[in-house]
Amino acid sequence: MELKLLEQDGVMILLVEGRVDTITATELEKKMSQLWSINSVQLVLDCAGMEYLCSSGLRVILTAHKQVTANEGRFVLRNITPEVRSVLDMTGISRIISIE
């Protein structure tokens, strides 16, 4: 998995490439935790290059959503692949988190 952080018009965009599995989910959590504690952060997780999402990755996404909204920010998933979308729909997360 590769992560790339961009800032665009005050919005933090984290691009995810590859597989988010039990090993790489820890790396994703570490990177996102640096961002989710910022008050009123606008955080976008761009999943266009995400090939796979495991339960550990789902936990990281839910934690990020909870932390960002608790700090009066906004958390969005963007460019979801069909494979990842099916996981989000099956678990009900797509009804909780904003998806663009």
C-alpha atoms as a PDB file:
ATOM      1  CA  MET A   1       0.000   0.000   0.000  1.00  0.00           C
ATOM      2  CA  GLU A   2       1.135   3.519  -0.780  1.00  0.00           C
ATOM      3  CA  LEU A   3      -0.172   6.703   0.831  1.00  0.00           C
ATOM      4  CA  LYS A   4       0.156  10.195  -0.565  1.00  0.00           C
ATOM      5  CA  LEU A   5      -1.034  13.293   1.286  1.00  0.00           C
ATOM      6  CA  LEU A   6      -2.144  16.387  -0.617  1.00  0.00           C
ATOM      7  CA  GLU A   7      -3.607  19.666   0.554  1.00  0.00           C
ATOM      8  CA  GLN A   8      -6.052  21.371  -1.780  1.00  0.00           C
ATOM      9  CA  ASP A   9      -7.928  24.537  -0.805  1.00  0.00           C
ATOM     10  CA  GLY A  10      -7.619  23.710   2.895  1.00  0.00           C
ATOM     11  CA  VAL A  11      -8.784  20.105   2.426  1.00  0.00           C
ATOM     12  CA  MET A  12      -6.438  17.272   3.372  1.00  0.00           C
ATOM     13  CA  ILE A  13      -6.635  14.492   0.765  1.00  0.00           C
ATOM     14  CA  LEU A  14      -5.073  11.136   1.531  1.00  0.00           C
ATOM     15  CA  LEU A  15      -4.642   9.003  -1.592  1.00  0.00           C
ATOM     16  CA  VAL A  16      -4.585   5.256  -0.945  1.00  0.00           C
ATOM     17  CA  GLU A  17      -3.044   2.908  -3.513  1.00  0.00           C
ATOM     18  CA  GLY A  18      -3.065  -0.875  -3.166  1.00  0.00           C
ATOM     19  CA  ARG A  19      -4.385  -3.241  -0.519  1.00  0.00           C
ATOM     20  CA  VAL A  20      -5.519  -2.228   2.951  1.00  0.00           C
ATOM     21  CA  ASP A  21      -5.068  -5.479   4.844  1.00  0.00           C
ATOM     22  CA  THR A  22      -4.261  -6.366   8.458  1.00  0.00           C
ATOM     23  CA  ILE A  23      -0.624  -5.374   8.004  1.00  0.00           C
ATOM     24  CA  THR A  24      -1.073  -2.128   6.053  1.00  0.00           C
ATOM     25  CA  ALA A  25      -4.110  -0.955   8.063  1.00  0.00           C
ATOM     26  CA  THR A  26      -1.707  -0.053  10.875  1.00  0.00           C
ATOM     27  CA  GLU A  27       0.227   2.226   8.523  1.00  0.00           C
ATOM     28  CA  LEU A  28      -3.028   3.835   7.344  1.00  0.00           C
ATOM     29  CA  GLU A  29      -4.131   4.404  10.941  1.00  0.00           C
ATOM     30  CA  LYS A  30      -0.804   5.983  11.857  1.00  0.00           C
ATOM     31  CA  LYS A  31      -0.988   8.420   8.938  1.00  0.00           C
ATOM     32  CA  MET A  32      -4.650   9.295   9.507  1.00  0.00           C
ATOM     33  CA  SER A  33      -4.204   9.776  13.257  1.00  0.00           C
ATOM     34  CA  GLN A  34      -1.835  12.640  12.498  1.00  0.00           C
ATOM     35  CA  LEU A  35      -4.718  14.349  10.703  1.00  0.00           C
ATOM     36  CA  TRP A  36      -7.879  13.451  12.602  1.00  0.00           C
ATOM     37  CA  SER A  37      -6.917  15.290  15.749  1.00  0.00           C
ATOM     38  CA  ILE A  38      -6.781  18.654  13.936  1.00  0.00           C
ATOM     39  CA  ASN A  39      -9.804  20.772  14.868  1.00  0.00           C
ATOM     40  CA  SER A  40     -12.240  21.326  11.998  1.00  0.00           C
ATOM     41  CA  VAL A  41     -10.095  19.332   9.569  1.00  0.00           C
ATOM     42  CA  GLN A  42     -11.620  18.548   6.208  1.00  0.00           C
ATOM     43  CA  LEU A  43     -10.280  15.048   5.478  1.00  0.00           C
ATOM     44  CA  VAL A  44     -10.882  13.134   2.260  1.00  0.00           C
ATOM     45  CA  LEU A  45      -9.789   9.532   1.864  1.00  0.00           C
ATOM     46  CA  ASP A  46      -9.417   9.026  -1.889  1.00  0.00           C
ATOM     47  CA  CYS A  47      -9.860   5.326  -2.583  1.00  0.00           C
ATOM     48  CA  ALA A  48      -9.519   5.310  -6.391  1.00  0.00           C
ATOM     49  CA  GLY A  49      -6.429   3.109  -6.152  1.00  0.00           C
ATOM     50  CA  MET A  50      -7.603   0.958  -3.234  1.00  0.00           C
ATOM     51  CA  GLU A  51      -7.748  -2.655  -4.409  1.00  0.00           C
ATOM     52  CA  TYR A  52      -8.862  -4.349  -1.192  1.00  0.00           C
ATOM     53  CA  LEU A  53     -10.246  -3.377   2.216  1.00  0.00           C
ATOM     54  CA  CYS A  54     -10.215  -5.752   5.188  1.00  0.00           C
ATOM     55  CA  SER A  55     -11.982  -5.501   8.542  1.00  0.00           C
ATOM     56  CA  SER A  56      -8.948  -3.800  10.108  1.00  0.00           C
ATOM     57  CA  GLY A  57      -9.160  -1.129   7.415  1.00  0.00           C
ATOM     58  CA  LEU A  58     -12.873  -0.706   8.105  1.00  0.00           C
ATOM     59  CA  ARG A  59     -12.051  -0.111  11.767  1.00  0.00           C
ATOM     60  CA  VAL A  60      -9.522   2.577  10.807  1.00  0.00           C
ATOM     61  CA  ILE A  61     -12.076   4.305   8.575  1.00  0.00           C
ATOM     62  CA  LEU A  62     -14.741   4.240  11.293  1.00  0.00           C
ATOM     63  CA  THR A  63     -12.278   5.541  13.882  1.00  0.00           C
ATOM     64  CA  ALA A  64     -11.199   8.343  11.550  1.00  0.00           C
ATOM     65  CA  HIS A  65     -14.828   9.317  10.936  1.00  0.00           C
ATOM     66  CA  LYS A  66     -15.553   9.348  14.672  1.00  0.00           C
ATOM     67  CA  GLN A  67     -12.449  11.368  15.552  1.00  0.00           C
ATOM     68  CA  VAL A  68     -12.828  13.929  12.750  1.00  0.00           C
ATOM     69  CA  THR A  69     -16.502  14.582  13.465  1.00  0.00           C
ATOM     70  CA  ALA A  70     -15.800  14.789  17.210  1.00  0.00           C
ATOM     71  CA  ASN A  71     -13.344  17.596  16.406  1.00  0.00           C
ATOM     72  CA  GLU A  72     -16.000  19.391  14.328  1.00  0.00           C
ATOM     73  CA  GLY A  73     -14.414  18.376  11.043  1.00  0.00           C
ATOM     74  CA  ARG A  74     -15.665  16.580   7.965  1.00  0.00           C
ATOM     75  CA  PHE A  75     -14.629  13.117   6.777  1.00  0.00           C
ATOM     76  CA  VAL A  76     -15.417  11.893   3.262  1.00  0.00           C
ATOM     77  CA  LEU A  77     -14.595   8.816   1.218  1.00  0.00           C
ATOM     78  CA  ARG A  78     -14.038   9.567  -2.458  1.00  0.00           C
ATOM     79  CA  ASN A  79     -13.640   7.543  -5.659  1.00  0.00           C
ATOM     80  CA  ILE A  80     -14.705   4.222  -4.178  1.00  0.00           C
ATOM     81  CA  THR A  81     -14.026   1.191  -6.369  1.00  0.00           C
ATOM     82  CA  PRO A  82     -16.867  -1.316  -6.863  1.00  0.00           C
ATOM     83  CA  GLU A  83     -15.027  -3.917  -4.763  1.00  0.00           C
ATOM     84  CA  VAL A  84     -14.567  -1.557  -1.823  1.00  0.00           C
ATOM     85  CA  ARG A  85     -18.108  -0.203  -2.234  1.00  0.00           C
ATOM     86  CA  SER A  86     -19.545  -3.698  -1.825  1.00  0.00           C
ATOM     87  CA  VAL A  87     -17.664  -4.108   1.474  1.00  0.00           C
ATOM     88  CA  LEU A  88     -18.888  -0.717   2.708  1.00  0.00           C
ATOM     89  CA  ASP A  89     -22.471  -1.538   1.691  1.00  0.00           C
ATOM     90  CA  MET A  90     -22.384  -5.034   3.190  1.00  0.00           C
ATOM     91  CA  THR A  91     -21.177  -3.717   6.554  1.00  0.00           C
ATOM     92  CA  GLY A  92     -23.516  -0.709   6.581  1.00  0.00           C
ATOM     93  CA  ILE A  93     -20.669   1.798   6.707  1.00  0.00           C
ATOM     94  CA  SER A  94     -21.857   3.429   3.483  1.00  0.00           C
ATOM     95  CA  ARG A  95     -24.913   4.637   5.399  1.00  0.00           C
ATOM     96  CA  ILE A  96     -22.769   6.277   8.091  1.00  0.00           C
ATOM     97  CA  ILE A  97     -19.930   7.939   6.183  1.00  0.00           C
ATOM     98  CA  SER A  98     -20.245  10.494   3.381  1.00  0.00           C
ATOM     99  CA  ILE A  99     -19.204   9.069   0.022  1.00  0.00           C
ATOM    100  CA  GLU A 100     -18.525  11.205  -3.046  1.00  0.00           C
END
